[in-house]
PDB file of N, CA and C in Angstrom:
ATOM      1  N   MET A   1     -17.721  -4.900  17.693  1.00  0.00           N
ATOM      2  CA  MET A   1     -16.943  -4.493  16.684  1.00  0.00           C
ATOM      3  C   MET A   1     -18.038  -3.985  15.380  1.00  0.00           C
ATOM      4  N   LYS A   2     -17.561  -2.715  15.161  1.00  0.00           N
ATOM      5  CA  LYS A   2     -18.518  -2.027  13.973  1.00  0.00           C
ATOM      6  C   LYS A   2     -18.315  -2.815  12.641  1.00  0.00           C
ATOM      7  N   GLN A   3     -19.243  -3.166  12.015  1.00  0.00           N
ATOM      8  CA  GLN A   3     -18.664  -3.628  10.704  1.00  0.00           C
ATOM      9  C   GLN A   3     -19.738  -3.116   9.450  1.00  0.00           C
ATOM     10  N   ILE A   4     -19.142  -3.147   8.185  1.00  0.00           N
ATOM     11  CA  ILE A   4     -20.212  -2.448   7.107  1.00  0.00           C
ATOM     12  C   ILE A   4     -20.673  -3.660   6.249  1.00  0.00           C
ATOM     13  N   ARG A   5     -21.996  -3.952   6.026  1.00  0.00           N
ATOM     14  CA  ARG A   5     -22.377  -4.964   4.975  1.00  0.00           C
ATOM     15  C   ARG A   5     -22.692  -4.953   3.369  1.00  0.00           C
ATOM     16  N   ILE A   6     -21.568  -5.337   2.860  1.00  0.00           N
ATOM     17  CA  ILE A   6     -21.783  -4.665   1.533  1.00  0.00           C
ATOM     18  C   ILE A   6     -21.820  -6.131   0.608  1.00  0.00           C
ATOM     19  N   PRO A   7     -22.396  -5.873  -0.844  1.00  0.00           N
ATOM     20  CA  PRO A   7     -22.343  -6.792  -1.419  1.00  0.00           C
ATOM     21  C   PRO A   7     -20.760  -7.662  -2.109  1.00  0.00           C
ATOM     22  N   LYS A   8     -21.170  -9.341  -2.384  1.00  0.00           N
ATOM     23  CA  LYS A   8     -19.837  -9.687  -2.715  1.00  0.00           C
ATOM     24  C   LYS A   8     -19.192  -9.207  -3.759  1.00  0.00           C
ATOM     25  N   THR A   9     -20.169  -9.127  -5.123  1.00  0.00           N
ATOM     26  CA  THR A   9     -19.883  -8.891  -6.047  1.00  0.00           C
ATOM     27  C   THR A   9     -18.506  -7.744  -6.535  1.00  0.00           C
ATOM     28  N   TYR A  10     -18.988  -6.180  -6.284  1.00  0.00           N
ATOM     29  CA  TYR A  10     -17.918  -5.615  -6.187  1.00  0.00           C
ATOM     30  C   TYR A  10     -16.676  -5.548  -5.522  1.00  0.00           C
ATOM     31  N   TYR A  11     -16.997  -6.325  -4.007  1.00  0.00           N
ATOM     32  CA  TYR A  11     -15.612  -6.541  -3.036  1.00  0.00           C
ATOM     33  C   TYR A  11     -15.068  -7.210  -3.923  1.00  0.00           C
ATOM     34  N   ASP A  12     -15.264  -8.717  -4.551  1.00  0.00           N
ATOM     35  CA  ASP A  12     -14.465  -9.391  -5.204  1.00  0.00           C
ATOM     36  C   ASP A  12     -13.665  -8.666  -6.355  1.00  0.00           C
ATOM     37  N   ASP A  13     -14.353  -8.112  -7.567  1.00  0.00           N
ATOM     38  CA  ASP A  13     -13.534  -7.614  -8.314  1.00  0.00           C
ATOM     39  C   ASP A  13     -12.535  -6.406  -8.186  1.00  0.00           C
ATOM     40  N   HIS A  14     -12.808  -5.801  -6.484  1.00  0.00           N
ATOM     41  CA  HIS A  14     -11.847  -4.321  -6.122  1.00  0.00           C
ATOM     42  C   HIS A  14     -10.727  -5.767  -6.005  1.00  0.00           C
ATOM     43  N   ILE A  15     -10.736  -6.782  -5.372  1.00  0.00           N
ATOM     44  CA  ILE A  15      -9.706  -7.949  -4.884  1.00  0.00           C
ATOM     45  C   ILE A  15      -8.777  -8.329  -6.102  1.00  0.00           C
ATOM     46  N   LEU A  16      -9.684  -9.061  -6.982  1.00  0.00           N
ATOM     47  CA  LEU A  16      -9.130  -9.244  -8.580  1.00  0.00           C
ATOM     48  C   LEU A  16      -8.260  -8.271  -9.064  1.00  0.00           C
ATOM     49  N   CYS A  17      -8.758  -7.072  -8.909  1.00  0.00           N
ATOM     50  CA  CYS A  17      -7.999  -5.924  -9.314  1.00  0.00           C
ATOM     51  C   CYS A  17      -6.721  -5.767  -8.772  1.00  0.00           C
ATOM     52  N   GLU A  18      -6.489  -6.455  -7.710  1.00  0.00           N
ATOM     53  CA  GLU A  18      -5.409  -6.345  -6.819  1.00  0.00           C
ATOM     54  C   GLU A  18      -5.141  -4.902  -5.959  1.00  0.00           C
ATOM     55  N   GLN A  19      -6.540  -4.662  -5.212  1.00  0.00           N
ATOM     56  CA  GLN A  19      -6.655  -3.258  -4.775  1.00  0.00           C
ATOM     57  C   GLN A  19      -7.118  -3.814  -3.272  1.00  0.00           C
ATOM     58  N   GLU A  20      -6.253  -2.892  -2.291  1.00  0.00           N
ATOM     59  CA  GLU A  20      -6.276  -3.128  -1.009  1.00  0.00           C
ATOM     60  C   GLU A  20      -7.958  -2.458  -0.624  1.00  0.00           C
ATOM     61  N   ALA A  21      -8.284  -3.646   0.165  1.00  0.00           N
ATOM     62  CA  ALA A  21      -9.478  -3.324   0.856  1.00  0.00           C
ATOM     63  C   ALA A  21      -9.650  -3.805   2.262  1.00  0.00           C
ATOM     64  N   PRO A  22     -10.829  -3.061   2.960  1.00  0.00           N
ATOM     65  CA  PRO A  22     -10.924  -3.836   4.411  1.00  0.00           C
ATOM     66  C   PRO A  22     -11.168  -4.769   4.446  1.00  0.00           C
ATOM     67  N   PRO A  23     -10.695  -5.523   5.675  1.00  0.00           N
ATOM     68  CA  PRO A  23     -10.604  -7.279   6.085  1.00  0.00           C
ATOM     69  C   PRO A  23     -12.119  -7.821   5.760  1.00  0.00           C
ATOM     70  N   VAL A  24     -12.566  -9.036   5.520  1.00  0.00           N
ATOM     71  CA  VAL A  24     -13.813  -9.064   5.789  1.00  0.00           C
ATOM     72  C   VAL A  24     -13.997 -10.105   7.140  1.00  0.00           C
ATOM     73  N   ILE A  25     -15.129  -9.797   7.824  1.00  0.00           N
ATOM     74  CA  ILE A  25     -14.866 -10.226   8.966  1.00  0.00           C
ATOM     75  C   ILE A  25     -15.926 -11.568   9.499  1.00  0.00           C
ATOM     76  N   LYS A  26     -16.926 -11.341   8.497  1.00  0.00           N
ATOM     77  CA  LYS A  26     -18.506 -12.278   8.092  1.00  0.00           C
ATOM     78  C   LYS A  26     -18.886 -12.532   6.658  1.00  0.00           C
ATOM     79  N   GLU A  27     -19.248 -13.570   6.106  1.00  0.00           N
ATOM     80  CA  GLU A  27     -19.982 -13.576   5.314  1.00  0.00           C
ATOM     81  C   GLU A  27     -21.005 -14.200   5.066  1.00  0.00           C
ATOM     82  N   THR A  28     -21.725 -14.104   4.198  1.00  0.00           N
ATOM     83  CA  THR A  28     -23.370 -14.868   3.839  1.00  0.00           C
ATOM     84  C   THR A  28     -23.231 -14.879   2.387  1.00  0.00           C
ATOM     85  N   LYS A  29     -24.242 -15.495   2.058  1.00  0.00           N
ATOM     86  CA  LYS A  29     -24.174 -16.324   0.530  1.00  0.00           C
ATOM     87  C   LYS A  29     -23.878 -14.982  -0.364  1.00  0.00           C
ATOM     88  N   ASN A  30     -24.342 -13.808   0.044  1.00  0.00           N
ATOM     89  CA  ASN A  30     -24.812 -12.805  -1.055  1.00  0.00           C
ATOM     90  C   ASN A  30     -23.579 -11.203  -0.754  1.00  0.00           C
ATOM     91  N   HIS A  31     -23.173 -11.269   0.574  1.00  0.00           N
ATOM     92  CA  HIS A  31     -22.660 -10.574   1.419  1.00  0.00           C
ATOM     93  C   HIS A  31     -21.498 -10.293   2.059  1.00  0.00           C
ATOM     94  N   TYR A  32     -20.538  -9.445   2.073  1.00  0.00           N
ATOM     95  CA  TYR A  32     -19.423  -9.321   3.342  1.00  0.00           C
ATOM     96  C   TYR A  32     -19.750  -8.497   4.207  1.00  0.00           C
ATOM     97  N   TYR A  33     -19.280  -8.393   6.047  1.00  0.00           N
ATOM     98  CA  TYR A  33     -19.374  -7.723   6.382  1.00  0.00           C
ATOM     99  C   TYR A  33     -17.855  -7.096   6.519  1.00  0.00           C
ATOM    100  N   ILE A  34     -17.595  -6.138   6.310  1.00  0.00           N
ATOM    101  CA  ILE A  34     -16.018  -5.811   6.273  1.00  0.00           C
ATOM    102  C   ILE A  34     -16.040  -4.715   7.855  1.00  0.00           C
ATOM    103  N   SER A  35     -14.952  -4.814   8.102  1.00  0.00           N
ATOM    104  CA  SER A  35     -14.532  -3.430   9.133  1.00  0.00           C
ATOM    105  C   SER A  35     -13.371  -2.345   8.416  1.00  0.00           C
ATOM    106  N   PRO A  36     -14.726  -1.162   9.432  1.00  0.00           N
ATOM    107  CA  PRO A  36     -14.344   0.093   8.703  1.00  0.00           C
ATOM    108  C   PRO A  36     -12.705   1.116   9.117  1.00  0.00           C
ATOM    109  N   GLU A  37     -12.351  -0.177  10.361  1.00  0.00           N
ATOM    110  CA  GLU A  37     -11.047   0.340  10.977  1.00  0.00           C
ATOM    111  C   GLU A  37     -10.417   0.206   9.837  1.00  0.00           C
ATOM    112  N   GLU A  38      -9.371   1.492  10.097  1.00  0.00           N
ATOM    113  CA  GLU A  38      -7.977   1.382   9.165  1.00  0.00           C
ATOM    114  C   GLU A  38      -6.997   0.344   9.464  1.00  0.00           C
ATOM    115  N   VAL A  39      -6.747  -0.377   8.933  1.00  0.00           N
ATOM    116  CA  VAL A  39      -5.755  -1.738   8.709  1.00  0.00           C
ATOM    117  C   VAL A  39      -4.273  -1.452   7.581  1.00  0.00           C
ATOM    118  N   MET A  40      -2.966  -2.935   8.126  1.00  0.00           N
ATOM    119  CA  MET A  40      -2.290  -2.806   7.496  1.00  0.00           C
ATOM    120  C   MET A  40      -2.643  -3.860   6.218  1.00  0.00           C
ATOM    121  N   GLY A  41      -2.683  -3.511   4.889  1.00  0.00           N
ATOM    122  CA  GLY A  41      -3.263  -4.252   3.778  1.00  0.00           C
ATOM    123  C   GLY A  41      -1.938  -5.260   3.602  1.00  0.00           C
ATOM    124  N   SER A  42      -2.379  -5.763   2.535  1.00  0.00           N
ATOM    125  CA  SER A  42      -1.070  -6.986   2.291  1.00  0.00           C
ATOM    126  C   SER A  42       0.065  -6.121   1.728  1.00  0.00           C
ATOM    127  N   SER A  43      -0.304  -5.290   1.283  1.00  0.00           N
ATOM    128  CA  SER A  43       0.961  -4.658   0.111  1.00  0.00           C
ATOM    129  C   SER A  43       1.943  -4.178   1.151  1.00  0.00           C
ATOM    130  N   GLY A  44       1.487  -3.734   2.706  1.00  0.00           N
ATOM    131  CA  GLY A  44       2.390  -3.303   3.487  1.00  0.00           C
ATOM    132  C   GLY A  44       1.850  -1.363   3.920  1.00  0.00           C
ATOM    133  N   LYS A  45       0.897  -1.221   3.456  1.00  0.00           N
ATOM    134  CA  LYS A  45       0.686   0.071   3.436  1.00  0.00           C
ATOM    135  C   LYS A  45      -1.150   0.063   4.053  1.00  0.00           C
ATOM    136  N   MET A  46      -1.376   1.213   4.658  1.00  0.00           N
ATOM    137  CA  MET A  46      -2.428   1.205   5.615  1.00  0.00           C
ATOM    138  C   MET A  46      -3.883   1.197   4.670  1.00  0.00           C
ATOM    139  N   THR A  47      -4.729   0.227   4.871  1.00  0.00           N
ATOM    140  CA  THR A  47      -5.867   0.335   4.081  1.00  0.00           C
ATOM    141  C   THR A  47      -6.960   0.869   4.935  1.00  0.00           C
ATOM    142  N   THR A  48      -7.740   1.867   4.280  1.00  0.00           N
ATOM    143  CA  THR A  48      -8.811   2.473   4.323  1.00  0.00           C
ATOM    144  C   THR A  48     -10.145   2.049   4.024  1.00  0.00           C
ATOM    145  N   LEU A  49     -11.348   2.793   4.563  1.00  0.00           N
ATOM    146  CA  LEU A  49     -12.717   2.552   3.632  1.00  0.00           C
ATOM    147  C   LEU A  49     -12.554   3.583   2.013  1.00  0.00           C
ATOM    148  N   ASP A  50     -12.029   4.391   2.141  1.00  0.00           N
ATOM    149  CA  ASP A  50     -11.797   5.577   1.080  1.00  0.00           C
ATOM    150  C   ASP A  50     -11.178   4.620  -0.049  1.00  0.00           C
ATOM    151  N   ASP A  51      -9.852   3.869   0.030  1.00  0.00           N
ATOM    152  CA  ASP A  51      -9.473   3.145  -1.007  1.00  0.00           C
ATOM    153  C   ASP A  51     -10.587   2.142  -1.866  1.00  0.00           C
ATOM    154  N   LEU A  52     -11.386   1.527  -1.022  1.00  0.00           N
ATOM    155  CA  LEU A  52     -12.647   0.882  -1.645  1.00  0.00           C
ATOM    156  C   LEU A  52     -13.837   1.554  -2.049  1.00  0.00           C
ATOM    157  N   TYR A  53     -14.257   2.473  -1.267  1.00  0.00           N
ATOM    158  CA  TYR A  53     -15.534   3.729  -1.642  1.00  0.00           C
ATOM    159  C   TYR A  53     -15.027   4.708  -3.189  1.00  0.00           C
ATOM    160  N   THR A  54     -13.630   5.269  -3.151  1.00  0.00           N
ATOM    161  CA  THR A  54     -13.455   5.806  -4.198  1.00  0.00           C
ATOM    162  C   THR A  54     -13.287   4.844  -5.537  1.00  0.00           C
ATOM    163  N   ARG A  55     -13.083   3.474  -5.644  1.00  0.00           N
ATOM    164  CA  ARG A  55     -13.211   3.003  -6.510  1.00  0.00           C
ATOM    165  C   ARG A  55     -14.635   2.811  -6.979  1.00  0.00           C
ATOM    166  N   ALA A  56     -15.323   2.609  -5.839  1.00  0.00           N
ATOM    167  CA  ALA A  56     -16.585   1.927  -5.557  1.00  0.00           C
ATOM    168  C   ALA A  56     -17.532   3.206  -6.760  1.00  0.00           C
ATOM    169  N   ARG A  57     -17.492   4.492  -6.230  1.00  0.00           N
ATOM    170  CA  ARG A  57     -17.755   5.450  -6.822  1.00  0.00           C
ATOM    171  C   ARG A  57     -17.726   5.728  -8.334  1.00  0.00           C
ATOM    172  N   CYS A  58     -16.304   5.116  -9.031  1.00  0.00           N
ATOM    173  CA  CYS A  58     -16.203   5.136 -10.232  1.00  0.00           C
ATOM    174  C   CYS A  58     -16.686   4.154 -11.007  1.00  0.00           C
ATOM    175  N   TYR A  59     -17.491   3.228 -10.617  1.00  0.00           N
ATOM    176  CA  TYR A  59     -18.137   1.989 -11.004  1.00  0.00           C
ATOM    177  C   TYR A  59     -19.794   2.234 -10.947  1.00  0.00           C
ATOM    178  N   SER A  60     -19.813   3.143 -10.168  1.00  0.00           N
ATOM    179  CA  SER A  60     -21.481   2.807  -9.598  1.00  0.00           C
ATOM    180  C   SER A  60     -22.530   3.318 -10.507  1.00  0.00           C
ATOM    181  N   ASN A  61     -22.015   4.647 -11.462  1.00  0.00           N
ATOM    182  CA  ASN A  61     -22.418   4.722 -12.342  1.00  0.00           C
ATOM    183  C   ASN A  61     -22.416   4.139 -13.629  1.00  0.00           C
ATOM    184  N   PRO A  62     -23.590   3.146 -14.476  1.00  0.00           N
ATOM    185  CA  PRO A  62     -22.900   2.366 -15.662  1.00  0.00           C
ATOM    186  C   PRO A  62     -22.892   2.827 -16.984  1.00  0.00           C
ATOM    187  N   ASP A  63     -23.200   4.509 -17.117  1.00  0.00           N
ATOM    188  CA  ASP A  63     -23.005   4.921 -18.242  1.00  0.00           C
ATOM    189  C   ASP A  63     -21.812   5.239 -18.961  1.00  0.00           C
ATOM    190  N   GLY A  64     -21.465   4.277 -20.225  1.00  0.00           N
ATOM    191  CA  GLY A  64     -20.239   4.081 -20.934  1.00  0.00           C
ATOM    192  C   GLY A  64     -19.703   2.785 -20.445  1.00  0.00           C
ATOM    193  N   TYR A  65     -20.432   2.160 -19.736  1.00  0.00           N
ATOM    194  CA  TYR A  65     -19.751   0.816 -19.438  1.00  0.00           C
ATOM    195  C   TYR A  65     -21.143  -0.303 -20.581  1.00  0.00           C
ATOM    196  N   ASP A  66     -20.447  -1.447 -20.915  1.00  0.00           N
ATOM    197  CA  ASP A  66     -21.107  -2.252 -21.833  1.00  0.00           C
ATOM    198  C   ASP A  66     -21.722  -2.803 -20.617  1.00  0.00           C
ATOM    199  N   SER A  67     -23.402  -3.339 -21.249  1.00  0.00           N
ATOM    200  CA  SER A  67     -24.280  -3.780 -20.889  1.00  0.00           C
ATOM    201  C   SER A  67     -23.811  -5.226 -20.095  1.00  0.00           C
ATOM    202  N   SER A  68     -22.999  -5.775 -20.192  1.00  0.00           N
ATOM    203  CA  SER A  68     -22.143  -7.353 -19.094  1.00  0.00           C
ATOM    204  C   SER A  68     -21.964  -6.385 -17.803  1.00  0.00           C
ATOM    205  N   PHE A  69     -21.148  -5.250 -17.777  1.00  0.00           N
ATOM    206  CA  PHE A  69     -20.942  -4.723 -16.673  1.00  0.00           C
ATOM    207  C   PHE A  69     -22.083  -3.965 -15.640  1.00  0.00           C
ATOM    208  N   THR A  70     -23.509  -4.466 -15.669  1.00  0.00           N
ATOM    209  CA  THR A  70     -24.166  -3.836 -15.097  1.00  0.00           C
ATOM    210  C   THR A  70     -24.556  -4.457 -13.451  1.00  0.00           C
ATOM    211  N   GLY A  71     -24.173  -5.732 -13.567  1.00  0.00           N
ATOM    212  CA  GLY A  71     -24.522  -5.981 -12.525  1.00  0.00           C
ATOM    213  C   GLY A  71     -22.841  -5.769 -11.471  1.00  0.00           C
ATOM    214  N   LEU A  72     -21.992  -5.610 -11.883  1.00  0.00           N
ATOM    215  CA  LEU A  72     -20.601  -4.502 -10.963  1.00  0.00           C
ATOM    216  C   LEU A  72     -21.233  -3.552 -10.114  1.00  0.00           C
ATOM    217  N   CYS A  73     -21.745  -2.362 -11.614  1.00  0.00           N
ATOM    218  CA  CYS A  73     -22.503  -1.342 -11.668  1.00  0.00           C
ATOM    219  C   CYS A  73     -23.050  -0.918 -10.481  1.00  0.00           C
ATOM    220  N   ARG A  74     -24.186  -2.380 -10.367  1.00  0.00           N
ATOM    221  CA  ARG A  74     -24.854  -2.067  -9.355  1.00  0.00           C
ATOM    222  C   ARG A  74     -24.656  -2.618  -7.764  1.00  0.00           C
ATOM    223  N   SER A  75     -23.735  -3.524  -7.994  1.00  0.00           N
ATOM    224  CA  SER A  75     -22.932  -3.644  -6.632  1.00  0.00           C
ATOM    225  C   SER A  75     -22.233  -2.798  -6.080  1.00  0.00           C
ATOM    226  N   ALA A  76     -21.585  -2.203  -7.326  1.00  0.00           N
ATOM    227  CA  ALA A  76     -20.745  -0.598  -6.673  1.00  0.00           C
ATOM    228  C   ALA A  76     -21.521   0.153  -6.233  1.00  0.00           C
ATOM    229  N   ARG A  77     -22.530   0.804  -6.512  1.00  0.00           N
ATOM    230  CA  ARG A  77     -23.328   1.884  -5.906  1.00  0.00           C
ATOM    231  C   ARG A  77     -24.098   1.164  -4.876  1.00  0.00           C
ATOM    232  N   TRP A  78     -24.158   0.168  -4.473  1.00  0.00           N
ATOM    233  CA  TRP A  78     -24.849  -0.497  -2.826  1.00  0.00           C
ATOM    234  C   TRP A  78     -23.677  -0.611  -2.191  1.00  0.00           C
ATOM    235  N   THR A  79     -22.262  -0.527  -2.688  1.00  0.00           N
ATOM    236  CA  THR A  79     -21.430  -0.869  -1.923  1.00  0.00           C
ATOM    237  C   THR A  79     -21.070   0.762  -1.555  1.00  0.00           C
ATOM    238  N   VAL A  80     -21.199   1.815  -2.209  1.00  0.00           N
ATOM    239  CA  VAL A  80     -21.269   2.964  -2.070  1.00  0.00           C
ATOM    240  C   VAL A  80     -22.387   3.613  -0.636  1.00  0.00           C
ATOM    241  N   GLU A  81     -23.515   3.219  -1.119  1.00  0.00           N
ATOM    242  CA  GLU A  81     -24.411   3.649  -0.304  1.00  0.00           C
ATOM    243  C   GLU A  81     -24.398   2.781   1.069  1.00  0.00           C
ATOM    244  N   ALA A  82     -23.818   1.791   1.439  1.00  0.00           N
ATOM    245  CA  ALA A  82     -23.720   0.981   2.657  1.00  0.00           C
ATOM    246  C   ALA A  82     -22.441   1.984   3.308  1.00  0.00           C
ATOM    247  N   ILE A  83     -21.183   1.947   2.751  1.00  0.00           N
ATOM    248  CA  ILE A  83     -20.815   3.070   3.040  1.00  0.00           C
ATOM    249  C   ILE A  83     -20.836   4.548   3.453  1.00  0.00           C
ATOM    250  N   ASP A  84     -22.043   4.898   2.682  1.00  0.00           N
ATOM    251  CA  ASP A  84     -22.431   6.341   3.000  1.00  0.00           C
ATOM    252  C   ASP A  84     -23.089   6.378   4.250  1.00  0.00           C
ATOM    253  N   LYS A  85     -24.502   5.314   4.568  1.00  0.00           N
ATOM    254  CA  LYS A  85     -25.154   4.925   5.692  1.00  0.00           C
ATOM    255  C   LYS A  85     -24.109   4.657   6.307  1.00  0.00           C
ATOM    256  N   TYR A  86     -22.977   3.694   6.949  1.00  0.00           N
ATOM    257  CA  TYR A  86     -21.963   3.698   8.008  1.00  0.00           C
ATOM    258  C   TYR A  86     -21.342   5.543   8.151  1.00  0.00           C
ATOM    259  N   ARG A  87     -20.928   5.762   7.671  1.00  0.00           N
ATOM    260  CA  ARG A  87     -20.535   7.406   7.663  1.00  0.00           C
ATOM    261  C   ARG A  87     -21.748   8.151   8.377  1.00  0.00           C
ATOM    262  N   LYS A  88     -22.413   8.271   8.041  1.00  0.00           N
ATOM    263  CA  LYS A  88     -23.976   9.034   8.655  1.00  0.00           C
ATOM    264  C   LYS A  88     -24.183   8.404   9.673  1.00  0.00           C
ATOM    265  N   GLU A  89     -24.541   7.511  10.369  1.00  0.00           N
ATOM    266  CA  GLU A  89     -24.243   6.926  11.857  1.00  0.00           C
ATOM    267  C   GLU A  89     -23.508   7.852  12.386  1.00  0.00           C
ATOM    268  N   GLN A  90     -22.475   7.353  12.030  1.00  0.00           N
ATOM    269  CA  GLN A  90     -21.233   7.589  12.772  1.00  0.00           C
ATOM    270  C   GLN A  90     -20.931   9.234  13.017  1.00  0.00           C
ATOM    271  N   ILE A  91     -21.585   9.747  12.492  1.00  0.00           N
ATOM    272  CA  ILE A  91     -21.858  11.562  12.636  1.00  0.00           C
ATOM    273  C   ILE A  91     -22.770  11.796  13.491  1.00  0.00           C
ATOM    274  N   ASN A  92     -23.775  11.010  13.457  1.00  0.00           N
ATOM    275  CA  ASN A  92     -25.170  10.747  14.410  1.00  0.00           C
ATOM    276  C   ASN A  92     -24.568  10.295  15.773  1.00  0.00           C
ATOM    277  N   ASP A  93     -23.604   9.450  15.978  1.00  0.00           N
ATOM    278  CA  ASP A  93     -23.528   8.768  17.627  1.00  0.00           C
ATOM    279  C   ASP A  93     -22.949   9.627  17.681  1.00  0.00           C
TER     280      ASP A  93
END
């Protein structure tokens, strides 16, 4: 099964804001491994990486945010980078 390794900080915030996200397959101290596959979310709608990716892009630039959001913005940027890397690998396969 294909997996994408992303930081926990942004994913947890995404879920706390009641947003749909791909399911967690595996967990380590600082990261989740999520499924890139489209699945049925808890709201009954299909959840894709796009839901997580689009919102992460909004938070990935810390300009305009209070300094207390630095960690979240950094985690969002790393989430975007991880998804971009996965997508590039899929194109090359």
